[in-house]
Amino acid sequence: MNKIISFVVPVFNEEKTVLTCIESILSQEILQDWSKEIVVVDNGSTDNTAEVLNQYKNEIKYIFEKLPGPGIARNTGIANSSGDLIAFIDSDVKLLENWALRSISKMAEFDYAGGQLSLIHISEPTRRRG
């Protein structure tokens, strides 16, 4: 039986960076007996995030969560994922090549792991509503 790694990506008004993030996840190599799923939780974006993500509608599971907050978005992602392992990836992050391949064994061994990431941009925090 194949195991699944779920990449949970909370997003809020990240139309300019989310595609790079998704593409970096899609390009990840994983172990032969693993498969991956990408769960994107749009946490009430008011920009064109949903439209930008539409081009990946066959590769991602898109969920719109109207309740504000990154914790709520992550929990929604967990509730809608089927993974044996869950990797939280911020939408302004580009995973380095082979990040998942190197991390899966450590996550399976220790139930958590970290890794080297590459920021797409650094900006002022977006003000949340509510």
N, C-alpha and C. Protein backbone atom coordinates (compact mmCIF):
# COMPACT_ATOMS: atom_id res chain seq x y z
N MET A 1 0.84 -1.19 0.00
CA MET A 1 0.00 0.00 0.00
C MET A 1 0.88 1.25 0.00
N ASN A 2 0.61 2.16 -0.90
CA ASN A 2 1.35 3.41 -0.96
C ASN A 2 1.00 4.31 0.21
N LYS A 3 2.00 5.02 0.68
CA LYS A 3 1.78 6.05 1.69
C LYS A 3 1.67 7.38 0.97
N ILE A 4 1.05 8.34 1.64
CA ILE A 4 0.81 9.66 1.04
C ILE A 4 1.43 10.73 1.91
N ILE A 5 2.10 11.67 1.26
CA ILE A 5 2.51 12.91 1.94
C ILE A 5 1.58 14.01 1.45
N SER A 6 0.95 14.68 2.39
CA SER A 6 0.06 15.80 2.07
C SER A 6 0.80 17.10 2.31
N PHE A 7 0.87 17.92 1.28
CA PHE A 7 1.42 19.26 1.40
C PHE A 7 0.25 20.20 1.62
N VAL A 8 0.15 20.78 2.81
CA VAL A 8 -0.93 21.70 3.13
C VAL A 8 -0.39 23.12 2.99
N VAL A 9 -1.03 23.89 2.10
CA VAL A 9 -0.56 25.23 1.77
C VAL A 9 -1.66 26.24 2.10
N PRO A 10 -1.59 26.90 3.28
CA PRO A 10 -2.53 27.98 3.55
C PRO A 10 -2.14 29.20 2.71
N VAL A 11 -3.13 29.89 2.18
CA VAL A 11 -2.83 31.03 1.32
C VAL A 11 -3.81 32.16 1.60
N PHE A 12 -3.28 33.38 1.64
CA PHE A 12 -4.10 34.58 1.80
C PHE A 12 -3.48 35.69 0.94
N ASN A 13 -4.18 36.03 -0.14
CA ASN A 13 -3.73 37.10 -1.04
C ASN A 13 -2.28 36.90 -1.49
N GLU A 14 -2.00 35.74 -2.05
CA GLU A 14 -0.65 35.42 -2.52
C GLU A 14 -0.63 35.11 -4.01
N GLU A 15 -1.41 35.85 -4.79
CA GLU A 15 -1.48 35.59 -6.24
C GLU A 15 -0.11 35.68 -6.91
N LYS A 16 0.81 36.44 -6.34
CA LYS A 16 2.11 36.65 -6.97
C LYS A 16 3.13 35.57 -6.63
N THR A 17 2.90 34.81 -5.57
CA THR A 17 3.91 33.83 -5.15
C THR A 17 3.42 32.38 -5.14
N VAL A 18 2.12 32.17 -5.07
CA VAL A 18 1.61 30.82 -4.84
C VAL A 18 1.95 29.85 -5.98
N LEU A 19 2.02 30.33 -7.22
CA LEU A 19 2.35 29.42 -8.32
C LEU A 19 3.76 28.87 -8.20
N THR A 20 4.70 29.70 -7.80
CA THR A 20 6.07 29.22 -7.60
C THR A 20 6.10 28.17 -6.51
N CYS A 21 5.34 28.40 -5.47
CA CYS A 21 5.24 27.43 -4.37
C CYS A 21 4.67 26.10 -4.88
N ILE A 22 3.54 26.15 -5.58
CA ILE A 22 2.89 24.94 -6.08
C ILE A 22 3.82 24.20 -7.05
N GLU A 23 4.46 24.93 -7.94
CA GLU A 23 5.37 24.31 -8.90
C GLU A 23 6.55 23.63 -8.19
N SER A 24 7.02 24.24 -7.10
CA SER A 24 8.13 23.62 -6.37
C SER A 24 7.68 22.33 -5.68
N ILE A 25 6.42 22.27 -5.27
CA ILE A 25 5.89 21.04 -4.67
C ILE A 25 5.70 19.98 -5.75
N LEU A 26 5.11 20.37 -6.87
CA LEU A 26 4.88 19.42 -7.96
C LEU A 26 6.18 18.81 -8.47
N SER A 27 7.26 19.56 -8.43
CA SER A 27 8.54 19.06 -8.95
C SER A 27 9.29 18.18 -7.95
N GLN A 28 8.77 18.04 -6.75
CA GLN A 28 9.46 17.25 -5.74
C GLN A 28 9.45 15.76 -6.09
N GLU A 29 10.61 15.15 -6.04
CA GLU A 29 10.69 13.70 -6.16
C GLU A 29 10.41 13.12 -4.77
N ILE A 30 9.73 11.97 -4.76
CA ILE A 30 9.45 11.31 -3.49
C ILE A 30 9.81 9.84 -3.61
N LEU A 31 9.82 9.15 -2.50
CA LEU A 31 10.16 7.74 -2.50
C LEU A 31 9.18 6.95 -3.36
N GLN A 32 9.65 5.83 -3.87
CA GLN A 32 8.87 5.04 -4.82
C GLN A 32 7.53 4.58 -4.26
N ASP A 33 7.46 4.24 -3.00
CA ASP A 33 6.20 3.74 -2.43
C ASP A 33 5.35 4.85 -1.80
N TRP A 34 5.61 6.08 -2.18
CA TRP A 34 4.85 7.23 -1.68
C TRP A 34 4.18 7.94 -2.85
N SER A 35 3.09 8.61 -2.54
CA SER A 35 2.47 9.54 -3.49
C SER A 35 2.24 10.85 -2.75
N LYS A 36 1.92 11.88 -3.49
CA LYS A 36 1.74 13.19 -2.84
C LYS A 36 0.40 13.78 -3.22
N GLU A 37 -0.11 14.59 -2.31
CA GLU A 37 -1.29 15.40 -2.59
C GLU A 37 -1.00 16.82 -2.10
N ILE A 38 -1.60 17.77 -2.78
CA ILE A 38 -1.43 19.18 -2.42
C ILE A 38 -2.80 19.72 -2.06
N VAL A 39 -2.92 20.20 -0.82
CA VAL A 39 -4.17 20.77 -0.33
C VAL A 39 -3.93 22.26 -0.11
N VAL A 40 -4.56 23.09 -0.92
CA VAL A 40 -4.41 24.54 -0.80
C VAL A 40 -5.66 25.08 -0.12
N VAL A 41 -5.46 25.77 0.99
CA VAL A 41 -6.58 26.36 1.72
C VAL A 41 -6.50 27.87 1.58
N ASP A 42 -7.42 28.40 0.81
CA ASP A 42 -7.52 29.84 0.58
C ASP A 42 -8.27 30.43 1.76
N ASN A 43 -7.57 31.22 2.54
CA ASN A 43 -8.11 31.75 3.79
C ASN A 43 -8.75 33.12 3.61
N GLY A 44 -9.66 33.20 2.61
CA GLY A 44 -10.42 34.43 2.40
C GLY A 44 -9.74 35.45 1.52
N SER A 45 -8.93 35.00 0.58
CA SER A 45 -8.24 35.93 -0.31
C SER A 45 -9.22 36.83 -1.05
N THR A 46 -8.81 38.08 -1.22
CA THR A 46 -9.63 39.04 -1.96
C THR A 46 -8.95 39.47 -3.27
N ASP A 47 -7.80 38.88 -3.56
CA ASP A 47 -7.12 39.17 -4.81
C ASP A 47 -7.46 38.07 -5.82
N ASN A 48 -6.61 37.80 -6.76
CA ASN A 48 -6.88 36.80 -7.80
C ASN A 48 -6.26 35.44 -7.50
N THR A 49 -6.04 35.14 -6.24
CA THR A 49 -5.43 33.87 -5.87
C THR A 49 -6.20 32.68 -6.44
N ALA A 50 -7.51 32.66 -6.28
CA ALA A 50 -8.32 31.53 -6.76
C ALA A 50 -8.19 31.36 -8.27
N GLU A 51 -8.22 32.46 -9.00
CA GLU A 51 -8.11 32.39 -10.46
C GLU A 51 -6.73 31.89 -10.89
N VAL A 52 -5.70 32.34 -10.20
CA VAL A 52 -4.34 31.92 -10.51
C VAL A 52 -4.19 30.41 -10.28
N LEU A 53 -4.78 29.92 -9.19
CA LEU A 53 -4.67 28.50 -8.86
C LEU A 53 -5.50 27.61 -9.76
N ASN A 54 -6.47 28.18 -10.45
CA ASN A 54 -7.36 27.39 -11.29
C ASN A 54 -6.61 26.56 -12.34
N GLN A 55 -5.45 27.04 -12.78
CA GLN A 55 -4.70 26.27 -13.79
C GLN A 55 -4.16 24.95 -13.23
N TYR A 56 -4.16 24.80 -11.92
CA TYR A 56 -3.72 23.55 -11.29
C TYR A 56 -4.87 22.78 -10.67
N LYS A 57 -6.09 23.02 -11.13
CA LYS A 57 -7.26 22.40 -10.51
C LYS A 57 -7.22 20.87 -10.56
N ASN A 58 -6.47 20.29 -11.49
CA ASN A 58 -6.36 18.83 -11.56
C ASN A 58 -5.23 18.28 -10.71
N GLU A 59 -4.34 19.14 -10.25
CA GLU A 59 -3.21 18.69 -9.44
C GLU A 59 -3.34 19.03 -7.96
N ILE A 60 -4.26 19.92 -7.61
CA ILE A 60 -4.41 20.33 -6.21
C ILE A 60 -5.85 20.14 -5.76
N LYS A 61 -5.99 20.08 -4.45
CA LYS A 61 -7.31 20.14 -3.84
C LYS A 61 -7.45 21.56 -3.28
N TYR A 62 -8.37 22.34 -3.83
CA TYR A 62 -8.55 23.74 -3.44
C TYR A 62 -9.75 23.85 -2.52
N ILE A 63 -9.55 24.51 -1.38
CA ILE A 63 -10.62 24.72 -0.40
C ILE A 63 -10.64 26.19 -0.04
N PHE A 64 -11.82 26.79 -0.06
CA PHE A 64 -11.96 28.18 0.38
C PHE A 64 -12.46 28.15 1.82
N GLU A 65 -11.69 28.74 2.72
CA GLU A 65 -12.05 28.81 4.14
C GLU A 65 -12.27 30.26 4.51
N LYS A 66 -13.51 30.60 4.84
CA LYS A 66 -13.82 32.00 5.11
C LYS A 66 -13.43 32.46 6.51
N LEU A 67 -13.27 31.53 7.45
CA LEU A 67 -12.86 31.95 8.79
C LEU A 67 -11.38 32.34 8.76
N PRO A 68 -11.04 33.51 9.31
CA PRO A 68 -9.67 34.00 9.21
C PRO A 68 -8.70 33.32 10.16
N GLY A 69 -7.46 33.28 9.73
CA GLY A 69 -6.38 32.82 10.59
C GLY A 69 -5.62 31.64 10.03
N PRO A 70 -4.29 31.71 10.10
CA PRO A 70 -3.47 30.62 9.57
C PRO A 70 -3.70 29.29 10.30
N GLY A 71 -3.96 29.33 11.58
CA GLY A 71 -4.23 28.10 12.32
C GLY A 71 -5.50 27.42 11.82
N ILE A 72 -6.52 28.22 11.57
CA ILE A 72 -7.78 27.67 11.04
C ILE A 72 -7.53 27.08 9.66
N ALA A 73 -6.77 27.78 8.83
CA ALA A 73 -6.47 27.28 7.48
C ALA A 73 -5.68 25.97 7.55
N ARG A 74 -4.72 25.88 8.44
CA ARG A 74 -3.94 24.64 8.57
C ARG A 74 -4.83 23.49 9.05
N ASN A 75 -5.68 23.76 10.03
CA ASN A 75 -6.59 22.72 10.52
C ASN A 75 -7.56 22.27 9.44
N THR A 76 -8.04 23.21 8.63
CA THR A 76 -8.91 22.85 7.50
C THR A 76 -8.15 21.97 6.52
N GLY A 77 -6.89 22.30 6.29
CA GLY A 77 -6.06 21.49 5.40
C GLY A 77 -5.88 20.07 5.93
N ILE A 78 -5.62 19.95 7.22
CA ILE A 78 -5.47 18.63 7.83
C ILE A 78 -6.76 17.83 7.66
N ALA A 79 -7.90 18.47 7.95
CA ALA A 79 -9.20 17.79 7.88
C ALA A 79 -9.52 17.32 6.46
N ASN A 80 -8.94 17.96 5.46
CA ASN A 80 -9.22 17.62 4.06
C ASN A 80 -8.08 16.90 3.37
N SER A 81 -7.12 16.42 4.14
CA SER A 81 -6.01 15.69 3.55
C SER A 81 -6.13 14.21 3.89
N SER A 82 -5.45 13.40 3.12
CA SER A 82 -5.48 11.95 3.36
C SER A 82 -4.09 11.40 3.62
N GLY A 83 -3.16 12.27 3.93
CA GLY A 83 -1.77 11.87 4.06
C GLY A 83 -1.42 11.13 5.32
N ASP A 84 -0.42 10.28 5.19
CA ASP A 84 0.19 9.63 6.35
C ASP A 84 1.12 10.62 7.04
N LEU A 85 1.67 11.53 6.25
CA LEU A 85 2.49 12.62 6.75
C LEU A 85 1.94 13.93 6.20
N ILE A 86 2.05 14.99 7.00
CA ILE A 86 1.57 16.30 6.58
C ILE A 86 2.74 17.27 6.63
N ALA A 87 2.93 17.99 5.53
CA ALA A 87 3.97 19.02 5.46
C ALA A 87 3.27 20.36 5.27
N PHE A 88 3.43 21.26 6.22
CA PHE A 88 2.88 22.60 6.09
C PHE A 88 3.88 23.45 5.32
N ILE A 89 3.43 24.01 4.21
CA ILE A 89 4.28 24.82 3.36
C ILE A 89 3.61 26.18 3.18
N ASP A 90 4.27 27.24 3.60
CA ASP A 90 3.71 28.58 3.40
C ASP A 90 3.71 28.92 1.92
N SER A 91 2.74 29.71 1.50
CA SER A 91 2.54 29.99 0.08
C SER A 91 3.60 30.91 -0.53
N ASP A 92 4.47 31.47 0.29
CA ASP A 92 5.54 32.30 -0.25
C ASP A 92 6.89 31.59 -0.15
N VAL A 93 6.84 30.26 -0.11
CA VAL A 93 8.04 29.45 0.01
C VAL A 93 8.23 28.60 -1.24
N LYS A 94 9.45 28.52 -1.68
CA LYS A 94 9.83 27.62 -2.78
C LYS A 94 10.68 26.51 -2.18
N LEU A 95 10.19 25.28 -2.26
CA LEU A 95 10.96 24.16 -1.73
C LEU A 95 12.22 23.94 -2.56
N LEU A 96 13.30 23.63 -1.89
CA LEU A 96 14.52 23.30 -2.60
C LEU A 96 14.38 21.93 -3.24
N GLU A 97 15.15 21.70 -4.27
CA GLU A 97 15.13 20.42 -4.97
C GLU A 97 15.37 19.28 -3.98
N ASN A 98 14.57 18.23 -4.10
CA ASN A 98 14.67 17.02 -3.27
C ASN A 98 14.38 17.25 -1.79
N TRP A 99 13.73 18.34 -1.44
CA TRP A 99 13.36 18.57 -0.04
C TRP A 99 12.49 17.43 0.48
N ALA A 100 11.47 17.05 -0.26
CA ALA A 100 10.55 16.00 0.20
C ALA A 100 11.26 14.66 0.30
N LEU A 101 12.07 14.34 -0.68
CA LEU A 101 12.80 13.07 -0.69
C LEU A 101 13.68 12.94 0.55
N ARG A 102 14.36 14.01 0.88
CA ARG A 102 15.25 13.99 2.05
C ARG A 102 14.46 14.04 3.36
N SER A 103 13.28 14.65 3.35
CA SER A 103 12.54 14.86 4.58
C SER A 103 11.60 13.72 4.96
N ILE A 104 11.08 12.98 3.99
CA ILE A 104 10.09 11.95 4.30
C ILE A 104 10.61 10.95 5.32
N SER A 105 11.82 10.49 5.13
CA SER A 105 12.35 9.49 6.06
C SER A 105 12.47 10.06 7.47
N LYS A 106 12.87 11.31 7.58
CA LYS A 106 12.99 11.93 8.90
C LYS A 106 11.61 12.17 9.52
N MET A 107 10.63 12.61 8.71
CA MET A 107 9.29 12.81 9.24
C MET A 107 8.70 11.49 9.71
N ALA A 108 8.91 10.42 8.97
CA ALA A 108 8.37 9.12 9.35
C ALA A 108 9.03 8.62 10.64
N GLU A 109 10.31 8.93 10.80
CA GLU A 109 11.05 8.46 11.97
C GLU A 109 10.71 9.25 13.22
N PHE A 110 10.57 10.59 13.09
CA PHE A 110 10.41 11.44 14.26
C PHE A 110 9.04 12.12 14.36
N ASP A 111 8.14 11.91 13.41
CA ASP A 111 6.83 12.54 13.36
C ASP A 111 6.89 14.03 13.04
N TYR A 112 8.06 14.58 12.84
CA TYR A 112 8.20 15.96 12.40
C TYR A 112 9.59 16.13 11.82
N ALA A 113 9.75 17.14 11.04
CA ALA A 113 11.07 17.45 10.50
C ALA A 113 11.05 18.87 9.98
N GLY A 114 12.19 19.43 9.81
CA GLY A 114 12.34 20.74 9.19
C GLY A 114 13.26 20.58 8.00
N GLY A 115 13.39 21.62 7.28
CA GLY A 115 14.27 21.55 6.13
C GLY A 115 14.63 22.92 5.65
N GLN A 116 15.56 22.96 4.75
CA GLN A 116 16.00 24.22 4.18
C GLN A 116 14.97 24.67 3.15
N LEU A 117 14.60 25.93 3.20
CA LEU A 117 13.61 26.50 2.31
C LEU A 117 14.20 27.70 1.60
N SER A 118 13.52 28.16 0.59
CA SER A 118 13.93 29.34 -0.13
C SER A 118 12.75 30.30 -0.19
N LEU A 119 12.91 31.50 0.35
CA LEU A 119 11.83 32.48 0.31
C LEU A 119 11.68 33.04 -1.09
N ILE A 120 10.43 33.21 -1.51
CA ILE A 120 10.16 33.81 -2.81
C ILE A 120 10.24 35.32 -2.69
N HIS A 121 9.71 35.86 -1.61
CA HIS A 121 9.76 37.30 -1.38
C HIS A 121 9.65 37.57 0.11
N ILE A 122 10.05 38.73 0.49
CA ILE A 122 9.87 39.16 1.86
C ILE A 122 9.10 40.48 1.78
N SER A 123 7.99 40.53 2.47
CA SER A 123 7.16 41.73 2.42
C SER A 123 6.59 42.00 3.79
N GLU A 124 5.98 43.14 3.92
CA GLU A 124 5.30 43.47 5.16
C GLU A 124 4.15 42.50 5.37
N PRO A 125 3.86 42.11 6.60
CA PRO A 125 2.76 41.20 6.84
C PRO A 125 1.45 41.80 6.32
N THR A 126 0.62 40.94 5.74
CA THR A 126 -0.69 41.36 5.26
C THR A 126 -1.61 41.48 6.46
N ARG A 127 -2.30 42.59 6.54
CA ARG A 127 -3.21 42.78 7.65
C ARG A 127 -4.41 41.87 7.50
N ARG A 128 -4.70 41.13 8.56
CA ARG A 128 -5.83 40.21 8.55
C ARG A 128 -7.10 40.93 8.98
N ARG A 129 -8.18 40.49 8.43
CA ARG A 129 -9.48 41.03 8.87
C ARG A 129 -9.96 40.23 10.05
N GLY A 130 -10.83 40.83 10.82
CA GLY A 130 -11.44 40.09 11.93
C GLY A 130 -10.66 40.22 13.13
